[in-house]
Amino acid sequence: MRSSSTTRRSPAESRAVRQLAAVRRAVAPLSPPVSSFEASIRSTPFRILVSVLLSARTQDPVTEKAAARLFAKADTPGKMALLDETEIARLIFPVGFYRTKARHIRAICRELGARGRVPPTLDGLLRLPGIGRKSANLVLALAFSRPTIAVDTHVFRISRRLGWAGGRTPAEVEKELQGLFPRRNWSGVNQVLVGFGQTICRPVRPKCAECPLRKECPSASVSVTSNK
């Protein structure tokens, strides 16, 4: 695992850092949904936590609107805990698994009411209902500026497509990416690759002709046919 920016990089590490920067430059002008979503939730750790929970299996624009409706009704754990599950479910619909998420949100609010704050550690976040490792890492990065790599479907798919990782599980890919990138790059991996996956390196019909890595991507020859 890389822990210092002064550690001498291998050719693979240097290439990955360069590629990540190239993707960031290409994606930024395209205003991917993830950028708007993350900007809209960066107010309090609690809002980030609930919004990240809502985002699972849901497109960012849908999540952003659902979170806005919910927080317009109740903006603290104490106030939100007073809402019943039916009301929470109504407010967050049509996010994926909205009934399950409503139950988790209410349970989280009751726990946070007793604790008084969102846990700032991975272990603490993982103890909350409905929060898995990917969500916990994303909360740590967005709410507490911790160096983490949240491996969602975009990060998992694109990391393997680019040859950055070969793991078969998100945990394996997370570990590989931590070994590939300096810690200062960790938190940016998710936003950059999610934006890349939303705009250019899409799971279906990727826009390989617009990709800044088209000449070196090991999957380009496979996926380019999907552009026709």
C-alpha atoms as a PDB file:
ATOM      1  CA  MET A   1       0.000   0.000   0.000  1.00  0.00           C
ATOM      2  CA  ARG A   2       1.356   3.388  -1.001  1.00  0.00           C
ATOM      3  CA  SER A   3       1.535   5.816   1.900  1.00  0.00           C
ATOM      4  CA  SER A   4       3.940   8.527   0.797  1.00  0.00           C
ATOM      5  CA  SER A   5       4.129  10.806  -2.200  1.00  0.00           C
ATOM      6  CA  THR A   6       7.915  10.595  -2.016  1.00  0.00           C
ATOM      7  CA  THR A   7       8.016   6.831  -2.570  1.00  0.00           C
ATOM      8  CA  ARG A   8       9.534   6.021  -5.944  1.00  0.00           C
ATOM      9  CA  ARG A   9       6.802   5.028  -8.370  1.00  0.00           C
ATOM     10  CA  SER A  10       6.887   2.019 -10.649  1.00  0.00           C
ATOM     11  CA  PRO A  11       6.092   2.539 -14.352  1.00  0.00           C
ATOM     12  CA  ALA A  12       2.593   1.116 -13.756  1.00  0.00           C
ATOM     13  CA  GLU A  13       1.960   3.539 -10.897  1.00  0.00           C
ATOM     14  CA  SER A  14       3.194   6.538 -12.866  1.00  0.00           C
ATOM     15  CA  ARG A  15       1.054   5.527 -15.834  1.00  0.00           C
ATOM     16  CA  ALA A  16      -2.075   5.153 -13.663  1.00  0.00           C
ATOM     17  CA  VAL A  17      -1.556   8.574 -12.048  1.00  0.00           C
ATOM     18  CA  ARG A  18      -1.098  10.152 -15.482  1.00  0.00           C
ATOM     19  CA  GLN A  19      -4.179   8.389 -16.836  1.00  0.00           C
ATOM     20  CA  LEU A  20      -6.310   9.466 -13.881  1.00  0.00           C
ATOM     21  CA  ALA A  21      -5.279  13.096 -14.463  1.00  0.00           C
ATOM     22  CA  ALA A  22      -6.095  12.799 -18.186  1.00  0.00           C
ATOM     23  CA  VAL A  23      -9.532  11.393 -17.417  1.00  0.00           C
ATOM     24  CA  ARG A  24     -10.172  14.162 -14.887  1.00  0.00           C
ATOM     25  CA  ARG A  25      -9.369  16.838 -17.496  1.00  0.00           C
ATOM     26  CA  ALA A  26     -11.588  15.172 -20.103  1.00  0.00           C
ATOM     27  CA  VAL A  27     -14.570  14.686 -17.808  1.00  0.00           C
ATOM     28  CA  ALA A  28     -14.640  18.064 -16.015  1.00  0.00           C
ATOM     29  CA  PRO A  29     -16.133  20.085 -18.945  1.00  0.00           C
ATOM     30  CA  LEU A  30     -18.864  17.442 -19.393  1.00  0.00           C
ATOM     31  CA  SER A  31     -20.452  18.215 -15.999  1.00  0.00           C
ATOM     32  CA  PRO A  32     -21.181  14.609 -15.031  1.00  0.00           C
ATOM     33  CA  PRO A  33     -24.128  14.061 -12.655  1.00  0.00           C
ATOM     34  CA  VAL A  34     -21.799  12.971  -9.856  1.00  0.00           C
ATOM     35  CA  SER A  35     -20.306  16.475  -9.663  1.00  0.00           C
ATOM     36  CA  SER A  36     -23.691  18.112  -9.124  1.00  0.00           C
ATOM     37  CA  PHE A  37     -24.709  15.422  -6.656  1.00  0.00           C
ATOM     38  CA  GLU A  38     -21.604  15.738  -4.493  1.00  0.00           C
ATOM     39  CA  ALA A  39     -21.784  19.533  -4.541  1.00  0.00           C
ATOM     40  CA  SER A  40     -25.421  19.435  -3.423  1.00  0.00           C
ATOM     41  CA  ILE A  41     -24.807  17.246  -0.362  1.00  0.00           C
ATOM     42  CA  ARG A  42     -21.633  18.871   1.026  1.00  0.00           C
ATOM     43  CA  SER A  43     -23.240  20.715   3.920  1.00  0.00           C
ATOM     44  CA  THR A  44     -23.068  18.446   6.982  1.00  0.00           C
ATOM     45  CA  PRO A  45     -21.784  14.916   7.631  1.00  0.00           C
ATOM     46  CA  PHE A  46     -25.366  13.862   8.355  1.00  0.00           C
ATOM     47  CA  ARG A  47     -26.628  15.050   4.967  1.00  0.00           C
ATOM     48  CA  ILE A  48     -23.702  13.357   3.251  1.00  0.00           C
ATOM     49  CA  LEU A  49     -24.389  10.105   5.118  1.00  0.00           C
ATOM     50  CA  VAL A  50     -28.092   9.989   4.241  1.00  0.00           C
ATOM     51  CA  SER A  51     -27.495  11.064   0.640  1.00  0.00           C
ATOM     52  CA  VAL A  52     -24.848   8.392   0.135  1.00  0.00           C
ATOM     53  CA  LEU A  53     -27.227   5.779   1.533  1.00  0.00           C
ATOM     54  CA  LEU A  54     -29.930   6.960  -0.888  1.00  0.00           C
ATOM     55  CA  SER A  55     -27.522   6.835  -3.838  1.00  0.00           C
ATOM     56  CA  ALA A  56     -27.073   3.053  -3.812  1.00  0.00           C
ATOM     57  CA  ARG A  57     -28.570   1.533  -6.982  1.00  0.00           C
ATOM     58  CA  THR A  58     -29.941   4.950  -7.938  1.00  0.00           C
ATOM     59  CA  GLN A  59     -28.903   7.541 -10.515  1.00  0.00           C
ATOM     60  CA  ASP A  60     -27.382  10.698  -9.072  1.00  0.00           C
ATOM     61  CA  PRO A  61     -30.048  13.141 -10.356  1.00  0.00           C
ATOM     62  CA  VAL A  62     -32.787  11.018  -8.744  1.00  0.00           C
ATOM     63  CA  THR A  63     -30.837  10.835  -5.491  1.00  0.00           C
ATOM     64  CA  GLU A  64     -30.194  14.569  -5.451  1.00  0.00           C
ATOM     65  CA  LYS A  65     -33.909  15.385  -5.760  1.00  0.00           C
ATOM     66  CA  ALA A  66     -34.943  12.758  -3.200  1.00  0.00           C
ATOM     67  CA  ALA A  67     -32.415  14.057  -0.661  1.00  0.00           C
ATOM     68  CA  ALA A  68     -33.639  17.620  -1.214  1.00  0.00           C
ATOM     69  CA  ARG A  69     -37.248  16.595  -0.496  1.00  0.00           C
ATOM     70  CA  LEU A  70     -36.284  14.663   2.620  1.00  0.00           C
ATOM     71  CA  PHE A  71     -34.080  17.396   4.089  1.00  0.00           C
ATOM     72  CA  ALA A  72     -36.656  20.067   3.344  1.00  0.00           C
ATOM     73  CA  LYS A  73     -38.950  18.126   5.680  1.00  0.00           C
ATOM     74  CA  ALA A  74     -36.389  17.230   8.353  1.00  0.00           C
ATOM     75  CA  ASP A  75     -32.757  18.342   8.402  1.00  0.00           C
ATOM     76  CA  THR A  76     -31.419  16.814  11.627  1.00  0.00           C
ATOM     77  CA  PRO A  77     -31.307  13.265  13.012  1.00  0.00           C
ATOM     78  CA  GLY A  78     -33.721  14.254  15.778  1.00  0.00           C
ATOM     79  CA  LYS A  79     -36.300  15.720  13.406  1.00  0.00           C
ATOM     80  CA  MET A  80     -35.944  12.899  10.878  1.00  0.00           C
ATOM     81  CA  ALA A  81     -36.368  10.244  13.592  1.00  0.00           C
ATOM     82  CA  LEU A  82     -39.836  11.676  14.266  1.00  0.00           C
ATOM     83  CA  LEU A  83     -40.975  10.834  10.728  1.00  0.00           C
ATOM     84  CA  ASP A  84     -42.469   7.389  10.268  1.00  0.00           C
ATOM     85  CA  GLU A  85     -41.103   5.004   7.658  1.00  0.00           C
ATOM     86  CA  THR A  86     -44.077   5.561   5.350  1.00  0.00           C
ATOM     87  CA  GLU A  87     -43.440   9.299   5.247  1.00  0.00           C
ATOM     88  CA  ILE A  88     -39.709   8.850   4.640  1.00  0.00           C
ATOM     89  CA  ALA A  89     -40.436   6.319   1.892  1.00  0.00           C
ATOM     90  CA  ARG A  90     -42.853   8.744   0.232  1.00  0.00           C
ATOM     91  CA  LEU A  91     -40.304  11.548   0.308  1.00  0.00           C
ATOM     92  CA  ILE A  92     -37.425   9.512  -1.142  1.00  0.00           C
ATOM     93  CA  PHE A  93     -39.383   7.620  -3.805  1.00  0.00           C
ATOM     94  CA  PRO A  94     -38.379   6.643  -6.539  1.00  0.00           C
ATOM     95  CA  VAL A  95     -34.846   5.808  -5.308  1.00  0.00           C
ATOM     96  CA  GLY A  96     -34.025   2.122  -5.525  1.00  0.00           C
ATOM     97  CA  PHE A  97     -35.195   0.009  -2.580  1.00  0.00           C
ATOM     98  CA  TYR A  98     -36.859   3.076  -1.090  1.00  0.00           C
ATOM     99  CA  ARG A  99     -38.808   1.154   1.576  1.00  0.00           C
ATOM    100  CA  THR A 100     -35.660  -0.570   2.879  1.00  0.00           C
ATOM    101  CA  LYS A 101     -33.756   2.711   2.795  1.00  0.00           C
ATOM    102  CA  ALA A 102     -36.557   4.448   4.706  1.00  0.00           C
ATOM    103  CA  ARG A 103     -36.237   1.844   7.453  1.00  0.00           C
ATOM    104  CA  HIS A 104     -32.459   2.230   7.555  1.00  0.00           C
ATOM    105  CA  ILE A 105     -32.646   6.032   7.627  1.00  0.00           C
ATOM    106  CA  ARG A 106     -35.006   6.014  10.588  1.00  0.00           C
ATOM    107  CA  ALA A 107     -32.810   3.506  12.445  1.00  0.00           C
ATOM    108  CA  ILE A 108     -29.694   5.579  11.721  1.00  0.00           C
ATOM    109  CA  CYS A 109     -31.411   8.720  13.006  1.00  0.00           C
ATOM    110  CA  ARG A 110     -32.300   7.006  16.264  1.00  0.00           C
ATOM    111  CA  GLU A 111     -28.689   5.870  16.691  1.00  0.00           C
ATOM    112  CA  LEU A 112     -27.276   9.279  15.837  1.00  0.00           C
ATOM    113  CA  GLY A 113     -29.709  10.901  18.251  1.00  0.00           C
ATOM    114  CA  ALA A 114     -28.061   8.936  21.019  1.00  0.00           C
ATOM    115  CA  ARG A 115     -24.491   9.444  19.749  1.00  0.00           C
ATOM    116  CA  GLY A 116     -24.877  13.054  18.704  1.00  0.00           C
ATOM    117  CA  ARG A 117     -22.692  12.867  15.593  1.00  0.00           C
ATOM    118  CA  VAL A 118     -21.850  10.845  12.496  1.00  0.00           C
ATOM    119  CA  PRO A 119     -19.022   8.398  13.277  1.00  0.00           C
ATOM    120  CA  PRO A 120     -15.767   9.617  11.668  1.00  0.00           C
ATOM    121  CA  THR A 121     -14.288   6.108  11.373  1.00  0.00           C
ATOM    122  CA  LEU A 122     -14.786   3.176   9.024  1.00  0.00           C
ATOM    123  CA  ASP A 123     -15.718   0.799  11.835  1.00  0.00           C
ATOM    124  CA  GLY A 124     -18.191   3.270  13.302  1.00  0.00           C
ATOM    125  CA  LEU A 125     -19.903   3.858   9.971  1.00  0.00           C
ATOM    126  CA  LEU A 126     -20.097   0.152   9.191  1.00  0.00           C
ATOM    127  CA  ARG A 127     -22.105  -0.374  12.378  1.00  0.00           C
ATOM    128  CA  LEU A 128     -24.888   1.850  11.044  1.00  0.00           C
ATOM    129  CA  PRO A 129     -27.857   0.144   9.345  1.00  0.00           C
ATOM    130  CA  GLY A 130     -27.595  -0.002   5.561  1.00  0.00           C
ATOM    131  CA  ILE A 131     -24.022   1.306   5.366  1.00  0.00           C
ATOM    132  CA  GLY A 132     -21.549  -0.972   3.601  1.00  0.00           C
ATOM    133  CA  ARG A 133     -17.866  -0.506   2.909  1.00  0.00           C
ATOM    134  CA  LYS A 134     -18.303   1.495  -0.300  1.00  0.00           C
ATOM    135  CA  SER A 135     -20.756   3.898   1.318  1.00  0.00           C
ATOM    136  CA  ALA A 136     -18.609   4.225   4.440  1.00  0.00           C
ATOM    137  CA  ASN A 137     -15.515   5.063   2.398  1.00  0.00           C
ATOM    138  CA  LEU A 138     -17.436   7.660   0.419  1.00  0.00           C
ATOM    139  CA  VAL A 139     -18.738   9.308   3.599  1.00  0.00           C
ATOM    140  CA  LEU A 140     -15.219   9.394   5.047  1.00  0.00           C
ATOM    141  CA  ALA A 141     -13.912  11.101   1.899  1.00  0.00           C
ATOM    142  CA  LEU A 142     -16.738  13.614   1.461  1.00  0.00           C
ATOM    143  CA  ALA A 143     -17.559  14.413   5.087  1.00  0.00           C
ATOM    144  CA  PHE A 144     -14.181  14.076   6.784  1.00  0.00           C
ATOM    145  CA  SER A 145     -11.641  14.484   3.941  1.00  0.00           C
ATOM    146  CA  ARG A 146     -10.127  11.089   4.713  1.00  0.00           C
ATOM    147  CA  PRO A 147      -8.023   9.358   2.021  1.00  0.00           C
ATOM    148  CA  THR A 148     -10.238   6.455   0.952  1.00  0.00           C
ATOM    149  CA  ILE A 149     -11.238   4.717  -2.271  1.00  0.00           C
ATOM    150  CA  ALA A 150     -14.944   3.954  -2.580  1.00  0.00           C
ATOM    151  CA  VAL A 151     -15.358   1.130  -5.082  1.00  0.00           C
ATOM    152  CA  ASP A 152     -18.795   1.287  -6.667  1.00  0.00           C
ATOM    153  CA  THR A 153     -19.902  -0.294  -9.937  1.00  0.00           C
ATOM    154  CA  HIS A 154     -18.190   2.385 -12.076  1.00  0.00           C
ATOM    155  CA  VAL A 155     -14.884   2.186 -10.195  1.00  0.00           C
ATOM    156  CA  PHE A 156     -14.943  -1.621 -10.215  1.00  0.00           C
ATOM    157  CA  ARG A 157     -15.732  -1.867 -13.923  1.00  0.00           C
ATOM    158  CA  ILE A 158     -13.426   0.873 -15.218  1.00  0.00           C
ATOM    159  CA  SER A 159     -10.453  -0.097 -13.045  1.00  0.00           C
ATOM    160  CA  ARG A 160     -10.589  -3.576 -14.520  1.00  0.00           C
ATOM    161  CA  ARG A 161     -11.230  -2.237 -18.033  1.00  0.00           C
ATOM    162  CA  LEU A 162      -8.120  -0.030 -17.828  1.00  0.00           C
ATOM    163  CA  GLY A 163      -5.993  -2.799 -16.354  1.00  0.00           C
ATOM    164  CA  TRP A 164      -5.519  -0.967 -13.051  1.00  0.00           C
ATOM    165  CA  ALA A 165      -6.956  -3.888 -11.120  1.00  0.00           C
ATOM    166  CA  GLY A 166      -7.924  -7.497 -11.690  1.00  0.00           C
ATOM    167  CA  GLY A 167      -9.717  -8.324  -8.469  1.00  0.00           C
ATOM    168  CA  ARG A 168     -13.028 -10.141  -8.561  1.00  0.00           C
ATOM    169  CA  THR A 169     -14.564  -8.294  -5.625  1.00  0.00           C
ATOM    170  CA  PRO A 170     -14.816  -4.603  -4.690  1.00  0.00           C
ATOM    171  CA  ALA A 171     -12.621  -5.231  -1.633  1.00  0.00           C
ATOM    172  CA  GLU A 172      -9.902  -6.765  -3.818  1.00  0.00           C
ATOM    173  CA  VAL A 173     -10.067  -3.890  -6.298  1.00  0.00           C
ATOM    174  CA  GLU A 174      -9.937  -1.345  -3.463  1.00  0.00           C
ATOM    175  CA  LYS A 175      -6.752  -2.931  -2.138  1.00  0.00           C
ATOM    176  CA  GLU A 176      -5.163  -2.992  -5.603  1.00  0.00           C
ATOM    177  CA  LEU A 177      -5.995   0.660  -6.226  1.00  0.00           C
ATOM    178  CA  GLN A 178      -4.581   1.644  -2.838  1.00  0.00           C
ATOM    179  CA  GLY A 179      -1.345  -0.034  -3.860  1.00  0.00           C
ATOM    180  CA  LEU A 180      -1.342   1.664  -7.246  1.00  0.00           C
ATOM    181  CA  PHE A 181      -2.050   5.294  -6.290  1.00  0.00           C
ATOM    182  CA  PRO A 182      -0.415   7.622  -3.735  1.00  0.00           C
ATOM    183  CA  ARG A 183      -2.703   8.383  -0.794  1.00  0.00           C
ATOM    184  CA  ARG A 184      -3.233  11.932  -2.008  1.00  0.00           C
ATOM    185  CA  ASN A 185      -5.036  10.523  -5.073  1.00  0.00           C
ATOM    186  CA  TRP A 186      -7.270   8.037  -3.267  1.00  0.00           C
ATOM    187  CA  SER A 187     -10.301  10.221  -2.601  1.00  0.00           C
ATOM    188  CA  GLY A 188     -10.379  11.510  -6.166  1.00  0.00           C
ATOM    189  CA  VAL A 189     -10.506   8.079  -7.777  1.00  0.00           C
ATOM    190  CA  ASN A 190     -14.220   7.585  -7.113  1.00  0.00           C
ATOM    191  CA  GLN A 191     -15.443  10.949  -8.392  1.00  0.00           C
ATOM    192  CA  VAL A 192     -13.224  10.852 -11.482  1.00  0.00           C
ATOM    193  CA  LEU A 193     -14.136   7.291 -12.478  1.00  0.00           C
ATOM    194  CA  VAL A 194     -17.829   7.706 -11.693  1.00  0.00           C
ATOM    195  CA  GLY A 195     -17.923  10.828 -13.874  1.00  0.00           C
ATOM    196  CA  PHE A 196     -15.968   8.971 -16.556  1.00  0.00           C
ATOM    197  CA  GLY A 197     -18.439   6.094 -16.421  1.00  0.00           C
ATOM    198  CA  GLN A 198     -21.412   8.427 -16.636  1.00  0.00           C
ATOM    199  CA  THR A 199     -20.155  10.317 -19.680  1.00  0.00           C
ATOM    200  CA  ILE A 200     -17.534   8.483 -21.755  1.00  0.00           C
ATOM    201  CA  CYS A 201     -16.581   5.027 -20.471  1.00  0.00           C
ATOM    202  CA  ARG A 202     -20.185   3.880 -20.220  1.00  0.00           C
ATOM    203  CA  PRO A 203     -21.049   0.239 -19.514  1.00  0.00           C
ATOM    204  CA  VAL A 204     -23.087   0.070 -22.741  1.00  0.00           C
ATOM    205  CA  ARG A 205     -21.996   1.851 -25.930  1.00  0.00           C
ATOM    206  CA  PRO A 206     -18.879   3.495 -24.481  1.00  0.00           C
ATOM    207  CA  LYS A 207     -17.688   6.558 -26.382  1.00  0.00           C
ATOM    208  CA  CYS A 208     -14.226   5.224 -27.123  1.00  0.00           C
ATOM    209  CA  ALA A 209     -13.613   7.786 -29.862  1.00  0.00           C
ATOM    210  CA  GLU A 210     -13.869  10.550 -27.226  1.00  0.00           C
ATOM    211  CA  CYS A 211     -11.751   8.782 -24.619  1.00  0.00           C
ATOM    212  CA  PRO A 212      -8.421  10.418 -23.722  1.00  0.00           C
ATOM    213  CA  LEU A 213      -7.002   6.924 -23.158  1.00  0.00           C
ATOM    214  CA  ARG A 214      -8.224   5.390 -26.422  1.00  0.00           C
ATOM    215  CA  LYS A 215      -4.704   4.765 -27.693  1.00  0.00           C
ATOM    216  CA  GLU A 216      -3.580   2.890 -24.592  1.00  0.00           C
ATOM    217  CA  CYS A 217      -6.712   1.359 -23.069  1.00  0.00           C
ATOM    218  CA  PRO A 218      -6.356  -2.455 -23.155  1.00  0.00           C
ATOM    219  CA  SER A 219     -10.124  -2.774 -23.692  1.00  0.00           C
ATOM    220  CA  ALA A 220     -10.406  -0.279 -26.568  1.00  0.00           C
ATOM    221  CA  SER A 221     -10.208  -2.931 -29.279  1.00  0.00           C
ATOM    222  CA  VAL A 222     -12.976  -4.871 -27.566  1.00  0.00           C
ATOM    223  CA  SER A 223     -15.397  -2.052 -26.785  1.00  0.00           C
ATOM    224  CA  VAL A 224     -14.956   0.166 -29.845  1.00  0.00           C
ATOM    225  CA  THR A 225     -17.471  -1.930 -31.795  1.00  0.00           C
ATOM    226  CA  SER A 226     -20.154  -0.840 -29.343  1.00  0.00           C
ATOM    227  CA  ASN A 227     -19.944   2.717 -30.681  1.00  0.00           C
ATOM    228  CA  LYS A 228     -21.484   1.826 -34.023  1.00  0.00           C
END
